[in-house]
C-alpha atoms as a PDB file:
ATOM      1  CA  MET A   1     -48.336 -20.713 -13.271  1.00  0.00           C
ATOM      2  CA  LYS A   2     -51.367 -19.366 -14.949  1.00  0.00           C
ATOM      3  CA  ASP A   3     -50.119 -15.617 -14.631  1.00  0.00           C
ATOM      4  CA  ILE A   4     -47.416 -16.463 -16.079  1.00  0.00           C
ATOM      5  CA  ALA A   5     -48.203 -18.323 -19.160  1.00  0.00           C
ATOM      6  CA  HIS A   6     -51.229 -14.821 -19.520  1.00  0.00           C
ATOM      7  CA  PHE A   7     -47.635 -12.684 -18.914  1.00  0.00           C
ATOM      8  CA  ILE A   8     -46.608 -14.857 -21.988  1.00  0.00           C
ATOM      9  CA  ALA A   9     -49.266 -14.048 -24.315  1.00  0.00           C
ATOM     10  CA  GLY A  10     -49.282 -10.938 -23.245  1.00  0.00           C
ATOM     11  CA  PHE A  11     -45.338 -10.772 -24.804  1.00  0.00           C
ATOM     12  CA  ARG A  12     -46.864 -12.741 -28.029  1.00  0.00           C
ATOM     13  CA  ARG A  13     -48.865 -10.044 -28.207  1.00  0.00           C
ATOM     14  CA  PHE A  14     -46.753  -7.235 -27.635  1.00  0.00           C
ATOM     15  CA  GLN A  15     -44.893  -8.845 -29.708  1.00  0.00           C
ATOM     16  CA  GLU A  16     -46.482  -8.735 -32.894  1.00  0.00           C
ATOM     17  CA  LYS A  17     -47.772  -5.635 -32.268  1.00  0.00           C
ATOM     18  CA  TYR A  18     -44.261  -3.201 -31.782  1.00  0.00           C
ATOM     19  CA  PHE A  19     -42.456  -5.776 -33.795  1.00  0.00           C
ATOM     20  CA  SER A  20     -44.227  -6.829 -37.209  1.00  0.00           C
ATOM     21  CA  GLU A  21     -47.216  -4.056 -36.967  1.00  0.00           C
ATOM     22  CA  ASP A  22     -44.888  -1.159 -36.078  1.00  0.00           C
ATOM     23  CA  ARG A  23     -40.965  -1.259 -37.509  1.00  0.00           C
ATOM     24  CA  GLU A  24     -40.377   1.914 -37.802  1.00  0.00           C
ATOM     25  CA  LEU A  25     -40.711   3.229 -33.830  1.00  0.00           C
ATOM     26  CA  PHE A  26     -38.001   0.448 -32.376  1.00  0.00           C
ATOM     27  CA  GLU A  27     -35.478   1.057 -35.379  1.00  0.00           C
ATOM     28  CA  GLN A  28     -36.361   4.208 -33.497  1.00  0.00           C
ATOM     29  CA  LEU A  29     -35.693   3.083 -30.340  1.00  0.00           C
ATOM     30  CA  ARG A  30     -32.652   0.445 -31.393  1.00  0.00           C
ATOM     31  CA  LEU A  31     -30.432   4.232 -31.382  1.00  0.00           C
ATOM     32  CA  GLY A  32     -31.882   5.292 -27.857  1.00  0.00           C
ATOM     33  CA  GLN A  33     -33.881   6.712 -25.636  1.00  0.00           C
ATOM     34  CA  ARG A  34     -35.111  10.398 -25.499  1.00  0.00           C
ATOM     35  CA  PRO A  35     -38.115  10.848 -23.701  1.00  0.00           C
ATOM     36  CA  ARG A  36     -39.231  14.245 -22.642  1.00  0.00           C
ATOM     37  CA  THR A  37     -41.432  13.471 -19.400  1.00  0.00           C
ATOM     38  CA  MET A  38     -40.352  11.613 -16.369  1.00  0.00           C
ATOM     39  CA  ILE A  39     -42.998  10.446 -14.044  1.00  0.00           C
ATOM     40  CA  VAL A  40     -42.204   9.221  -9.852  1.00  0.00           C
ATOM     41  CA  ALA A  41     -45.288   7.253  -9.282  1.00  0.00           C
ATOM     42  CA  CYS A  42     -46.179   4.015  -6.571  1.00  0.00           C
ATOM     43  CA  ALA A  43     -45.193   0.283  -7.312  1.00  0.00           C
ATOM     44  CA  ASP A  44     -48.981  -0.205  -6.496  1.00  0.00           C
ATOM     45  CA  SER A  45     -50.196  -2.712  -9.250  1.00  0.00           C
ATOM     46  CA  ARG A  46     -53.185  -0.843  -9.964  1.00  0.00           C
ATOM     47  CA  VAL A  47     -51.644   2.128 -10.987  1.00  0.00           C
ATOM     48  CA  ASP A  48     -49.767   1.274 -14.328  1.00  0.00           C
ATOM     49  CA  PRO A  49     -48.701   5.364 -15.655  1.00  0.00           C
ATOM     50  CA  THR A  50     -48.441   3.829 -19.347  1.00  0.00           C
ATOM     51  CA  LEU A  51     -51.780   2.519 -19.084  1.00  0.00           C
ATOM     52  CA  LEU A  52     -53.369   5.289 -17.434  1.00  0.00           C
ATOM     53  CA  THR A  53     -51.315   8.379 -19.972  1.00  0.00           C
ATOM     54  CA  GLY A  54     -51.264   6.096 -22.743  1.00  0.00           C
ATOM     55  CA  ALA A  55     -47.630   6.579 -23.027  1.00  0.00           C
ATOM     56  CA  GLU A  56     -45.737   4.645 -25.793  1.00  0.00           C
ATOM     57  CA  PRO A  57     -42.538   2.810 -25.740  1.00  0.00           C
ATOM     58  CA  GLY A  58     -39.729   5.408 -25.149  1.00  0.00           C
ATOM     59  CA  ASP A  59     -42.518   8.469 -23.776  1.00  0.00           C
ATOM     60  CA  VAL A  60     -41.664   7.934 -20.727  1.00  0.00           C
ATOM     61  CA  PHE A  61     -39.035   7.681 -18.024  1.00  0.00           C
ATOM     62  CA  VAL A  62     -40.477   5.602 -14.956  1.00  0.00           C
ATOM     63  CA  VAL A  63     -39.634   5.220 -11.483  1.00  0.00           C
ATOM     64  CA  ARG A  64     -42.228   3.768  -9.105  1.00  0.00           C
ATOM     65  CA  ASN A  65     -41.974   3.677  -5.555  1.00  0.00           C
ATOM     66  CA  VAL A  66     -43.820   2.975  -2.325  1.00  0.00           C
ATOM     67  CA  ALA A  67     -46.408   5.638  -2.315  1.00  0.00           C
ATOM     68  CA  ASN A  68     -44.352   7.719  -5.114  1.00  0.00           C
ATOM     69  CA  LEU A  69     -42.008   8.939  -3.089  1.00  0.00           C
ATOM     70  CA  VAL A  70     -38.802  11.611  -3.625  1.00  0.00           C
ATOM     71  CA  PRO A  71     -35.925  11.889  -0.779  1.00  0.00           C
ATOM     72  CA  PRO A  72     -34.614  15.436  -0.372  1.00  0.00           C
ATOM     73  CA  HIS A  73     -31.548  15.663  -2.081  1.00  0.00           C
ATOM     74  CA  GLU A  74     -28.885  14.064   0.272  1.00  0.00           C
ATOM     75  CA  PRO A  75     -25.087  13.850  -0.964  1.00  0.00           C
ATOM     76  CA  GLY A  76     -24.117  10.630  -0.328  1.00  0.00           C
ATOM     77  CA  GLY A  77     -27.038   9.361   1.548  1.00  0.00           C
ATOM     78  CA  GLY A  78     -28.793   6.240   1.861  1.00  0.00           C
ATOM     79  CA  PHE A  79     -31.907   6.711  -0.476  1.00  0.00           C
ATOM     80  CA  ALA A  80     -29.823   5.976  -3.526  1.00  0.00           C
ATOM     81  CA  SER A  81     -31.906   4.691  -6.226  1.00  0.00           C
ATOM     82  CA  VAL A  82     -34.625   6.957  -6.969  1.00  0.00           C
ATOM     83  CA  PRO A  83     -31.931  10.546  -6.847  1.00  0.00           C
ATOM     84  CA  ALA A  84     -30.333   8.098  -9.807  1.00  0.00           C
ATOM     85  CA  ALA A  85     -33.255   7.507 -11.119  1.00  0.00           C
ATOM     86  CA  LEU A  86     -33.410  12.149 -11.158  1.00  0.00           C
ATOM     87  CA  GLU A  87     -29.671  12.246 -11.512  1.00  0.00           C
ATOM     88  CA  PHE A  88     -30.225  10.251 -15.390  1.00  0.00           C
ATOM     89  CA  ALA A  89     -33.686  11.829 -16.506  1.00  0.00           C
ATOM     90  CA  VAL A  90     -32.097  15.166 -15.786  1.00  0.00           C
ATOM     91  CA  LEU A  91     -28.748  15.366 -16.676  1.00  0.00           C
ATOM     92  CA  SER A  92     -28.350  12.642 -19.273  1.00  0.00           C
ATOM     93  CA  LEU A  93     -32.184  12.349 -20.885  1.00  0.00           C
ATOM     94  CA  LYS A  94     -32.981  15.677 -20.580  1.00  0.00           C
ATOM     95  CA  VAL A  95     -36.293  15.328 -19.752  1.00  0.00           C
ATOM     96  CA  GLU A  96     -38.295  18.772 -19.506  1.00  0.00           C
ATOM     97  CA  HIS A  97     -41.423  17.567 -17.222  1.00  0.00           C
ATOM     98  CA  ILE A  98     -41.373  14.750 -14.237  1.00  0.00           C
ATOM     99  CA  ILE A  99     -45.006  14.385 -13.010  1.00  0.00           C
ATOM    100  CA  VAL A 100     -45.602  12.725  -9.521  1.00  0.00           C
ATOM    101  CA  LEU A 101     -48.420  10.630  -9.312  1.00  0.00           C
ATOM    102  CA  GLY A 102     -50.015   9.674  -6.080  1.00  0.00           C
ATOM    103  CA  HIS A 103     -53.009   8.440  -6.248  1.00  0.00           C
ATOM    104  CA  ALA A 104     -56.022   6.760  -3.776  1.00  0.00           C
ATOM    105  CA  GLN A 105     -56.011   3.645  -1.756  1.00  0.00           C
ATOM    106  CA  CYS A 106     -52.452   3.672  -1.819  1.00  0.00           C
ATOM    107  CA  GLY A 107     -50.792   1.419   1.219  1.00  0.00           C
ATOM    108  CA  GLY A 108     -47.715   3.007   1.804  1.00  0.00           C
ATOM    109  CA  ILE A 109     -49.604   6.082   3.010  1.00  0.00           C
ATOM    110  CA  ASN A 110     -51.335   4.015   5.028  1.00  0.00           C
ATOM    111  CA  ALA A 111     -48.801   2.568   6.091  1.00  0.00           C
ATOM    112  CA  LEU A 112     -47.748   5.608   7.224  1.00  0.00           C
ATOM    113  CA  MET A 113     -51.076   7.365   8.970  1.00  0.00           C
ATOM    114  CA  SER A 114     -51.147   4.607  10.871  1.00  0.00           C
ATOM    115  CA  GLU A 115     -48.081   4.280  11.584  1.00  0.00           C
ATOM    116  CA  SER A 116     -47.766   0.503  10.941  1.00  0.00           C
ATOM    117  CA  GLY A 117     -44.690   0.569   9.337  1.00  0.00           C
ATOM    118  CA  ASN A 118     -42.764   0.853  12.315  1.00  0.00           C
ATOM    119  CA  GLY A 119     -42.107  -3.037  12.832  1.00  0.00           C
ATOM    120  CA  GLY A 120     -40.578  -3.997   9.221  1.00  0.00           C
ATOM    121  CA  GLU A 121     -37.216  -2.898   8.295  1.00  0.00           C
ATOM    122  CA  PHE A 122     -37.580  -0.797   5.410  1.00  0.00           C
ATOM    123  CA  ILE A 123     -40.987   0.526   4.976  1.00  0.00           C
ATOM    124  CA  GLY A 124     -41.307   2.416   8.057  1.00  0.00           C
ATOM    125  CA  LYS A 125     -38.569   5.110   7.335  1.00  0.00           C
ATOM    126  CA  TRP A 126     -39.069   4.653   3.903  1.00  0.00           C
ATOM    127  CA  VAL A 127     -42.274   6.663   4.247  1.00  0.00           C
ATOM    128  CA  GLY A 128     -41.050   8.976   6.752  1.00  0.00           C
ATOM    129  CA  ILE A 129     -39.733  10.790   3.828  1.00  0.00           C
ATOM    130  CA  ALA A 130     -43.531  12.052   4.019  1.00  0.00           C
ATOM    131  CA  GLN A 131     -43.953  12.238   7.492  1.00  0.00           C
ATOM    132  CA  ARG A 132     -44.688  16.235   7.365  1.00  0.00           C
ATOM    133  CA  ALA A 133     -47.687  15.748   5.095  1.00  0.00           C
ATOM    134  CA  ARG A 134     -49.110  13.304   7.865  1.00  0.00           C
ATOM    135  CA  GLU A 135     -48.130  16.091  10.416  1.00  0.00           C
ATOM    136  CA  ARG A 136     -49.888  18.977   8.652  1.00  0.00           C
ATOM    137  CA  VAL A 137     -52.934  16.783   7.685  1.00  0.00           C
ATOM    138  CA  LEU A 138     -53.202  15.886  11.590  1.00  0.00           C
ATOM    139  CA  ALA A 139     -52.670  18.940  12.378  1.00  0.00           C
ATOM    140  CA  ASP A 140     -55.460  20.801   9.524  1.00  0.00           C
ATOM    141  CA  LEU A 141     -57.904  17.942   9.718  1.00  0.00           C
ATOM    142  CA  PRO A 142     -57.601  16.698  13.227  1.00  0.00           C
ATOM    143  CA  ALA A 143     -61.205  15.735  13.614  1.00  0.00           C
ATOM    144  CA  LYS A 144     -62.113  14.080  10.082  1.00  0.00           C
ATOM    145  CA  SER A 145     -62.435  10.469   9.363  1.00  0.00           C
ATOM    146  CA  PRO A 146     -59.285   7.980   9.469  1.00  0.00           C
ATOM    147  CA  ALA A 147     -60.340   7.672   5.271  1.00  0.00           C
ATOM    148  CA  LEU A 148     -60.377  11.312   4.764  1.00  0.00           C
ATOM    149  CA  GLN A 149     -57.060  11.778   6.381  1.00  0.00           C
ATOM    150  CA  ALA A 150     -55.857   8.955   4.105  1.00  0.00           C
ATOM    151  CA  ARG A 151     -57.089  11.138   1.308  1.00  0.00           C
ATOM    152  CA  ALA A 152     -55.420  14.002   2.058  1.00  0.00           C
ATOM    153  CA  CYS A 153     -52.046  12.156   3.320  1.00  0.00           C
ATOM    154  CA  GLU A 154     -51.848  10.907  -0.554  1.00  0.00           C
ATOM    155  CA  GLN A 155     -52.579  14.260  -1.994  1.00  0.00           C
ATOM    156  CA  ALA A 156     -49.723  16.136   0.730  1.00  0.00           C
ATOM    157  CA  ALA A 157     -47.270  14.125  -0.541  1.00  0.00           C
ATOM    158  CA  ILE A 158     -47.249  14.201  -3.802  1.00  0.00           C
ATOM    159  CA  LEU A 159     -46.684  18.263  -2.466  1.00  0.00           C
ATOM    160  CA  VAL A 160     -43.651  17.217  -0.058  1.00  0.00           C
ATOM    161  CA  SER A 161     -42.182  14.857  -3.235  1.00  0.00           C
ATOM    162  CA  LEU A 162     -42.394  18.269  -5.418  1.00  0.00           C
ATOM    163  CA  GLU A 163     -40.870  20.721  -2.671  1.00  0.00           C
ATOM    164  CA  ASN A 164     -38.246  17.377  -1.812  1.00  0.00           C
ATOM    165  CA  LEU A 165     -37.084  17.721  -6.051  1.00  0.00           C
ATOM    166  CA  MET A 166     -36.846  21.244  -5.924  1.00  0.00           C
ATOM    167  CA  THR A 167     -34.261  20.811  -3.147  1.00  0.00           C
ATOM    168  CA  TYR A 168     -31.872  19.203  -5.949  1.00  0.00           C
ATOM    169  CA  PRO A 169     -29.623  22.359  -7.353  1.00  0.00           C
ATOM    170  CA  TRP A 170     -29.292  21.101 -10.786  1.00  0.00           C
ATOM    171  CA  ILE A 171     -33.538  20.456 -11.120  1.00  0.00           C
ATOM    172  CA  ALA A 172     -34.402  24.062  -9.080  1.00  0.00           C
ATOM    173  CA  GLU A 173     -31.901  25.716 -11.955  1.00  0.00           C
ATOM    174  CA  ARG A 174     -33.945  23.788 -15.385  1.00  0.00           C
ATOM    175  CA  VAL A 175     -37.586  24.394 -13.118  1.00  0.00           C
ATOM    176  CA  ASP A 176     -35.482  28.295 -12.732  1.00  0.00           C
ATOM    177  CA  THR A 177     -35.156  28.861 -15.951  1.00  0.00           C
ATOM    178  CA  GLY A 178     -38.232  27.604 -17.656  1.00  0.00           C
ATOM    179  CA  ALA A 179     -36.613  24.538 -19.220  1.00  0.00           C
ATOM    180  CA  MET A 180     -38.324  21.724 -16.998  1.00  0.00           C
ATOM    181  CA  HIS A 181     -42.114  21.630 -15.127  1.00  0.00           C
ATOM    182  CA  LEU A 182     -42.634  19.909 -12.527  1.00  0.00           C
ATOM    183  CA  HIS A 183     -46.316  18.945 -12.032  1.00  0.00           C
ATOM    184  CA  GLY A 184     -48.272  17.308  -9.407  1.00  0.00           C
ATOM    185  CA  TRP A 185     -50.928  14.029 -10.525  1.00  0.00           C
ATOM    186  CA  TYR A 186     -53.942  11.903  -8.470  1.00  0.00           C
ATOM    187  CA  PHE A 187     -55.096   9.253  -9.927  1.00  0.00           C
ATOM    188  CA  ASP A 188     -58.808   8.532  -7.829  1.00  0.00           C
ATOM    189  CA  ILE A 189     -59.036   4.405  -8.728  1.00  0.00           C
ATOM    190  CA  ALA A 190     -62.832   4.448  -7.112  1.00  0.00           C
ATOM    191  CA  GLN A 191     -63.944   7.608  -9.892  1.00  0.00           C
ATOM    192  CA  GLY A 192     -61.716   6.449 -12.110  1.00  0.00           C
ATOM    193  CA  GLU A 193     -60.607  10.392 -12.248  1.00  0.00           C
ATOM    194  CA  LEU A 194     -56.840  12.022 -13.064  1.00  0.00           C
ATOM    195  CA  LEU A 195     -56.574  15.225 -10.829  1.00  0.00           C
ATOM    196  CA  SER A 196     -53.875  17.707 -11.124  1.00  0.00           C
ATOM    197  CA  TYR A 197     -52.211  19.904  -8.103  1.00  0.00           C
ATOM    198  CA  ASN A 198     -53.212  23.926  -9.360  1.00  0.00           C
ATOM    199  CA  PRO A 199     -51.008  26.537  -7.051  1.00  0.00           C
ATOM    200  CA  ALA A 200     -52.967  29.010  -7.416  1.00  0.00           C
ATOM    201  CA  LEU A 201     -56.034  26.989  -6.094  1.00  0.00           C
ATOM    202  CA  ASN A 202     -53.887  25.377  -3.670  1.00  0.00           C
ATOM    203  CA  GLY A 203     -55.642  22.030  -4.042  1.00  0.00           C
ATOM    204  CA  PHE A 204     -56.054  19.368  -6.914  1.00  0.00           C
ATOM    205  CA  GLU A 205     -59.010  19.656  -9.724  1.00  0.00           C
ATOM    206  CA  PRO A 206     -59.611  17.829 -12.739  1.00  0.00           C
ATOM    207  CA  ILE A 207     -56.553  17.352 -15.245  1.00  0.00           C
ATOM    208  CA  ARG A 208     -59.087  19.192 -18.106  1.00  0.00           C
ATOM    209  CA  ALA A 209     -58.615  21.940 -16.884  1.00  0.00           C
ATOM    210  CA  GLU A 210     -55.109  21.915 -17.295  1.00  0.00           C
ATOM    211  CA  ALA A 211     -54.021  19.761 -19.926  1.00  0.00           C
ATOM    212  CA  ALA A 212     -54.257  23.111 -22.053  1.00  0.00           C
ATOM    213  CA  ALA A 213     -51.628  25.002 -19.548  1.00  0.00           C
ATOM    214  CA  MET A 214     -49.590  21.334 -20.101  1.00  0.00           C
ATOM    215  CA  SER A 215     -50.243  21.641 -23.851  1.00  0.00           C
ATOM    216  CA  LYS A 216     -48.654  25.708 -23.658  1.00  0.00           C
ATOM    217  CA  GLY A 217     -45.799  24.126 -21.672  1.00  0.00           C
ATOM    218  CA  GLU A 218     -46.759  25.848 -18.559  1.00  0.00           C
ATOM    219  CA  SER A 219     -45.388  24.119 -14.814  1.00  0.00           C
ATOM    220  CA  SER A 220     -48.537  22.693 -13.288  1.00  0.00           C
ATOM    221  CA  GLY A 221     -46.458  22.583  -9.385  1.00  0.00           C
END
């Protein structure tokens, strides 16, 4: 019950801040949401996308799942939750940015690399969305340590999700016209650093180098 009491106290602070100090914001939010950005993040308890980005209520439309994965477009397919969220964010909310936010020490990617999810009912099939990331890493880094391979797979899986986003015709159309931009971010928990995928370098670099590009509305993924 200690955790529950902590959460309730936290809500009281939230209530005081936004319903007393910043009533104007919630008066606007009562009319509906208009976020410009969608974040696909991991369900990991250590990686809160709104905390990491300093987002206020209404700033971002967030979808969280194991290993921050986006399945490919598959009409009538079994992975309906993430596609439904994408459809709503893109077609109804008309977001301008989609960020795939991965992170270090990801349990879902660890399950993929070690194939430890194969014995479960759901995990193995879900993380299998990133199977080609695992295959790339094992082919490119066969002699590296499991820890280095896992980190490489965490980043490669972000790229798989970015590739899968482009299989949705209504996303690809908006990206091609410049109305939407895709971004791949990676949170290094140990270093407390946020990295962004740079297509020109085919690698991740500190977010500082990408911030100016994002402010101008350029795509980073």
